[in-house]
PDB file of N, CA and C in Angstrom:
ATOM      1  N   MET A   1     -45.754 -69.019  13.687  1.00  0.00           N
ATOM      2  CA  MET A   1     -44.623 -69.057  12.794  1.00  0.00           C
ATOM      3  C   MET A   1     -44.159 -70.509  12.675  1.00  0.00           C
ATOM      4  N   VAL A   2     -43.869 -70.907  11.470  1.00  0.00           N
ATOM      5  CA  VAL A   2     -43.442 -72.273  11.215  1.00  0.00           C
ATOM      6  C   VAL A   2     -41.934 -72.283  10.965  1.00  0.00           C
ATOM      7  N   PHE A   3     -41.228 -73.101  11.723  1.00  0.00           N
ATOM      8  CA  PHE A   3     -39.788 -73.209  11.559  1.00  0.00           C
ATOM      9  C   PHE A   3     -39.469 -74.413  10.681  1.00  0.00           C
ATOM     10  N   THR A   4     -38.594 -74.203   9.738  1.00  0.00           N
ATOM     11  CA  THR A   4     -38.192 -75.283   8.841  1.00  0.00           C
ATOM     12  C   THR A   4     -36.700 -75.530   8.990  1.00  0.00           C
ATOM     13  N   GLU A   5     -36.223 -76.599   8.399  1.00  0.00           N
ATOM     14  CA  GLU A   5     -34.797 -76.911   8.422  1.00  0.00           C
ATOM     15  C   GLU A   5     -34.029 -75.864   7.616  1.00  0.00           C
ATOM     16  N   LEU A   6     -32.785 -75.619   8.037  1.00  0.00           N
ATOM     17  CA  LEU A   6     -31.945 -74.675   7.301  1.00  0.00           C
ATOM     18  C   LEU A   6     -31.461 -75.316   6.004  1.00  0.00           C
ATOM     19  N   THR A   7     -31.472 -74.518   4.961  1.00  0.00           N
ATOM     20  CA  THR A   7     -30.925 -74.997   3.695  1.00  0.00           C
ATOM     21  C   THR A   7     -29.439 -74.658   3.645  1.00  0.00           C
ATOM     22  N   ASP A   8     -28.760 -75.159   2.634  1.00  0.00           N
ATOM     23  CA  ASP A   8     -27.339 -74.842   2.474  1.00  0.00           C
ATOM     24  C   ASP A   8     -27.137 -73.349   2.253  1.00  0.00           C
ATOM     25  N   ALA A   9     -28.037 -72.724   1.514  1.00  0.00           N
ATOM     26  CA  ALA A   9     -27.934 -71.280   1.283  1.00  0.00           C
ATOM     27  C   ALA A   9     -28.082 -70.516   2.594  1.00  0.00           C
ATOM     28  N   ASP A  10     -28.996 -70.972   3.455  1.00  0.00           N
ATOM     29  CA  ASP A  10     -29.166 -70.336   4.754  1.00  0.00           C
ATOM     30  C   ASP A  10     -27.917 -70.483   5.611  1.00  0.00           C
ATOM     31  N   ARG A  11     -27.310 -71.656   5.590  1.00  0.00           N
ATOM     32  CA  ARG A  11     -26.088 -71.879   6.373  1.00  0.00           C
ATOM     33  C   ARG A  11     -24.943 -71.002   5.869  1.00  0.00           C
ATOM     34  N   LYS A  12     -24.812 -70.889   4.547  1.00  0.00           N
ATOM     35  CA  LYS A  12     -23.758 -70.032   3.985  1.00  0.00           C
ATOM     36  C   LYS A  12     -23.997 -68.579   4.360  1.00  0.00           C
ATOM     37  N   ARG A  13     -25.241 -68.146   4.310  1.00  0.00           N
ATOM     38  CA  ARG A  13     -25.576 -66.766   4.673  1.00  0.00           C
ATOM     39  C   ARG A  13     -25.269 -66.516   6.148  1.00  0.00           C
ATOM     40  N   ASN A  14     -25.594 -67.477   7.004  1.00  0.00           N
ATOM     41  CA  ASN A  14     -25.307 -67.326   8.428  1.00  0.00           C
ATOM     42  C   ASN A  14     -23.804 -67.278   8.708  1.00  0.00           C
ATOM     43  N   GLN A  15     -23.028 -68.105   8.021  1.00  0.00           N
ATOM     44  CA  GLN A  15     -21.572 -68.067   8.190  1.00  0.00           C
ATOM     45  C   GLN A  15     -21.018 -66.726   7.743  1.00  0.00           C
ATOM     46  N   TYR A  16     -21.513 -66.200   6.630  1.00  0.00           N
ATOM     47  CA  TYR A  16     -21.055 -64.908   6.130  1.00  0.00           C
ATOM     48  C   TYR A  16     -21.383 -63.808   7.138  1.00  0.00           C
ATOM     49  N   LEU A  17     -22.598 -63.808   7.666  1.00  0.00           N
ATOM     50  CA  LEU A  17     -22.980 -62.782   8.636  1.00  0.00           C
ATOM     51  C   LEU A  17     -22.197 -62.912   9.933  1.00  0.00           C
ATOM     52  N   ASP A  18     -21.882 -64.117  10.350  1.00  0.00           N
ATOM     53  CA  ASP A  18     -21.065 -64.306  11.548  1.00  0.00           C
ATOM     54  C   ASP A  18     -19.657 -63.751  11.358  1.00  0.00           C
ATOM     55  N   GLN A  19     -19.141 -63.807  10.146  1.00  0.00           N
ATOM     56  CA  GLN A  19     -17.788 -63.318   9.883  1.00  0.00           C
ATOM     57  C   GLN A  19     -17.735 -61.797   9.849  1.00  0.00           C
ATOM     58  N   ILE A  20     -18.721 -61.137   9.261  1.00  0.00           N
ATOM     59  CA  ILE A  20     -18.616 -59.695   9.049  1.00  0.00           C
ATOM     60  C   ILE A  20     -19.379 -58.860  10.050  1.00  0.00           C
ATOM     61  N   ASN A  21     -20.313 -59.429  10.775  1.00  0.00           N
ATOM     62  CA  ASN A  21     -21.238 -58.642  11.569  1.00  0.00           C
ATOM     63  C   ASN A  21     -20.749 -58.504  13.006  1.00  0.00           C
ATOM     64  N   HIS A  22     -19.758 -57.637  13.211  1.00  0.00           N
ATOM     65  CA  HIS A  22     -19.225 -57.413  14.544  1.00  0.00           C
ATOM     66  C   HIS A  22     -19.216 -55.920  14.836  1.00  0.00           C
ATOM     67  N   ALA A  23     -19.506 -55.588  16.060  1.00  0.00           N
ATOM     68  CA  ALA A  23     -19.516 -54.186  16.455  1.00  0.00           C
ATOM     69  C   ALA A  23     -18.086 -53.646  16.496  1.00  0.00           C
ATOM     70  N   PRO A  24     -17.874 -52.417  16.051  1.00  0.00           N
ATOM     71  CA  PRO A  24     -16.526 -51.825  16.054  1.00  0.00           C
ATOM     72  C   PRO A  24     -16.175 -51.270  17.440  1.00  0.00           C
ATOM     73  N   TYR A  25     -15.864 -52.173  18.355  1.00  0.00           N
ATOM     74  CA  TYR A  25     -15.621 -51.758  19.739  1.00  0.00           C
ATOM     75  C   TYR A  25     -14.457 -50.784  19.860  1.00  0.00           C
ATOM     76  N   SER A  26     -13.412 -50.960  19.088  1.00  0.00           N
ATOM     77  CA  SER A  26     -12.266 -50.049  19.196  1.00  0.00           C
ATOM     78  C   SER A  26     -12.647 -48.645  18.735  1.00  0.00           C
ATOM     79  N   ALA A  27     -13.420 -48.540  17.664  1.00  0.00           N
ATOM     80  CA  ALA A  27     -13.843 -47.223  17.183  1.00  0.00           C
ATOM     81  C   ALA A  27     -14.763 -46.551  18.204  1.00  0.00           C
ATOM     82  N   ILE A  28     -15.650 -47.311  18.812  1.00  0.00           N
ATOM     83  CA  ILE A  28     -16.547 -46.761  19.834  1.00  0.00           C
ATOM     84  C   ILE A  28     -15.734 -46.275  21.028  1.00  0.00           C
ATOM     85  N   PHE A  29     -14.765 -47.069  21.453  1.00  0.00           N
ATOM     86  CA  PHE A  29     -13.932 -46.693  22.599  1.00  0.00           C
ATOM     87  C   PHE A  29     -13.153 -45.409  22.320  1.00  0.00           C
ATOM     88  N   PHE A  30     -12.492 -45.328  21.154  1.00  0.00           N
ATOM     89  CA  PHE A  30     -11.685 -44.146  20.856  1.00  0.00           C
ATOM     90  C   PHE A  30     -12.549 -42.907  20.636  1.00  0.00           C
ATOM     91  N   THR A  31     -13.737 -43.075  20.083  1.00  0.00           N
ATOM     92  CA  THR A  31     -14.640 -41.937  19.924  1.00  0.00           C
ATOM     93  C   THR A  31     -15.065 -41.392  21.278  1.00  0.00           C
ATOM     94  N   MET A  32     -15.387 -42.283  22.197  1.00  0.00           N
ATOM     95  CA  MET A  32     -15.775 -41.838  23.534  1.00  0.00           C
ATOM     96  C   MET A  32     -14.599 -41.203  24.273  1.00  0.00           C
ATOM     97  N   LEU A  33     -13.400 -41.749  24.068  1.00  0.00           N
ATOM     98  CA  LEU A  33     -12.216 -41.180  24.697  1.00  0.00           C
ATOM     99  C   LEU A  33     -11.950 -39.768  24.180  1.00  0.00           C
ATOM    100  N   ILE A  34     -12.050 -39.568  22.881  1.00  0.00           N
ATOM    101  CA  ILE A  34     -11.842 -38.242  22.299  1.00  0.00           C
ATOM    102  C   ILE A  34     -12.903 -37.261  22.786  1.00  0.00           C
ATOM    103  N   MET A  35     -14.154 -37.720  22.872  1.00  0.00           N
ATOM    104  CA  MET A  35     -15.215 -36.845  23.376  1.00  0.00           C
ATOM    105  C   MET A  35     -14.951 -36.443  24.828  1.00  0.00           C
ATOM    106  N   LEU A  36     -14.504 -37.394  25.641  1.00  0.00           N
ATOM    107  CA  LEU A  36     -14.178 -37.088  27.034  1.00  0.00           C
ATOM    108  C   LEU A  36     -13.037 -36.074  27.123  1.00  0.00           C
ATOM    109  N   LEU A  37     -12.020 -36.257  26.291  1.00  0.00           N
ATOM    110  CA  LEU A  37     -10.898 -35.316  26.299  1.00  0.00           C
ATOM    111  C   LEU A  37     -11.333 -33.924  25.853  1.00  0.00           C
ATOM    112  N   LEU A  38     -12.195 -33.854  24.822  1.00  0.00           N
ATOM    113  CA  LEU A  38     -12.680 -32.548  24.357  1.00  0.00           C
ATOM    114  C   LEU A  38     -13.500 -31.840  25.427  1.00  0.00           C
ATOM    115  N   VAL A  39     -14.338 -32.579  26.128  1.00  0.00           N
ATOM    116  CA  VAL A  39     -15.128 -31.969  27.212  1.00  0.00           C
ATOM    117  C   VAL A  39     -14.211 -31.498  28.327  1.00  0.00           C
ATOM    118  N   THR A  40     -13.216 -32.288  28.677  1.00  0.00           N
ATOM    119  CA  THR A  40     -12.284 -31.918  29.730  1.00  0.00           C
ATOM    120  C   THR A  40     -11.495 -30.664  29.361  1.00  0.00           C
ATOM    121  N   VAL A  41     -11.017 -30.614  28.125  1.00  0.00           N
ATOM    122  CA  VAL A  41     -10.262 -29.444  27.681  1.00  0.00           C
ATOM    123  C   VAL A  41     -11.146 -28.218  27.625  1.00  0.00           C
ATOM    124  N   SER A  42     -12.360 -28.357  27.121  1.00  0.00           N
ATOM    125  CA  SER A  42     -13.258 -27.193  27.048  1.00  0.00           C
ATOM    126  C   SER A  42     -13.629 -26.681  28.431  1.00  0.00           C
ATOM    127  N   ILE A  43     -13.825 -27.563  29.380  1.00  0.00           N
ATOM    128  CA  ILE A  43     -14.122 -27.119  30.763  1.00  0.00           C
ATOM    129  C   ILE A  43     -12.905 -26.437  31.362  1.00  0.00           C
ATOM    130  N   SER A  44     -11.729 -26.983  31.106  1.00  0.00           N
ATOM    131  CA  SER A  44     -10.504 -26.366  31.642  1.00  0.00           C
ATOM    132  C   SER A  44     -10.271 -24.996  31.034  1.00  0.00           C
ATOM    133  N   ILE A  45     -10.499 -24.842  29.739  1.00  0.00           N
ATOM    134  CA  ILE A  45     -10.331 -23.536  29.101  1.00  0.00           C
ATOM    135  C   ILE A  45     -11.371 -22.556  29.610  1.00  0.00           C
ATOM    136  N   GLY A  46     -12.593 -23.028  29.809  1.00  0.00           N
ATOM    137  CA  GLY A  46     -13.654 -22.158  30.313  1.00  0.00           C
ATOM    138  C   GLY A  46     -13.433 -21.720  31.745  1.00  0.00           C
ATOM    139  N   ALA A  47     -12.713 -22.510  32.513  1.00  0.00           N
ATOM    140  CA  ALA A  47     -12.490 -22.172  33.931  1.00  0.00           C
ATOM    141  C   ALA A  47     -11.464 -21.061  34.092  1.00  0.00           C
ATOM    142  N   PHE A  48     -10.600 -20.887  33.097  1.00  0.00           N
ATOM    143  CA  PHE A  48      -9.535 -19.874  33.249  1.00  0.00           C
ATOM    144  C   PHE A  48      -9.731 -18.708  32.383  1.00  0.00           C
TER     145      PHE A  48
END
């Protein structure tokens, strides 16, 4: 593979991707929290 210098278009594209390309950590956390609560409630209901 041959590496070449970055062009201005490449730099702009990289800046754009750096701005928007982030994992939604809060959504992942709340989804896992809700799943944990649902499992806990279902086990508690099943036990009684």
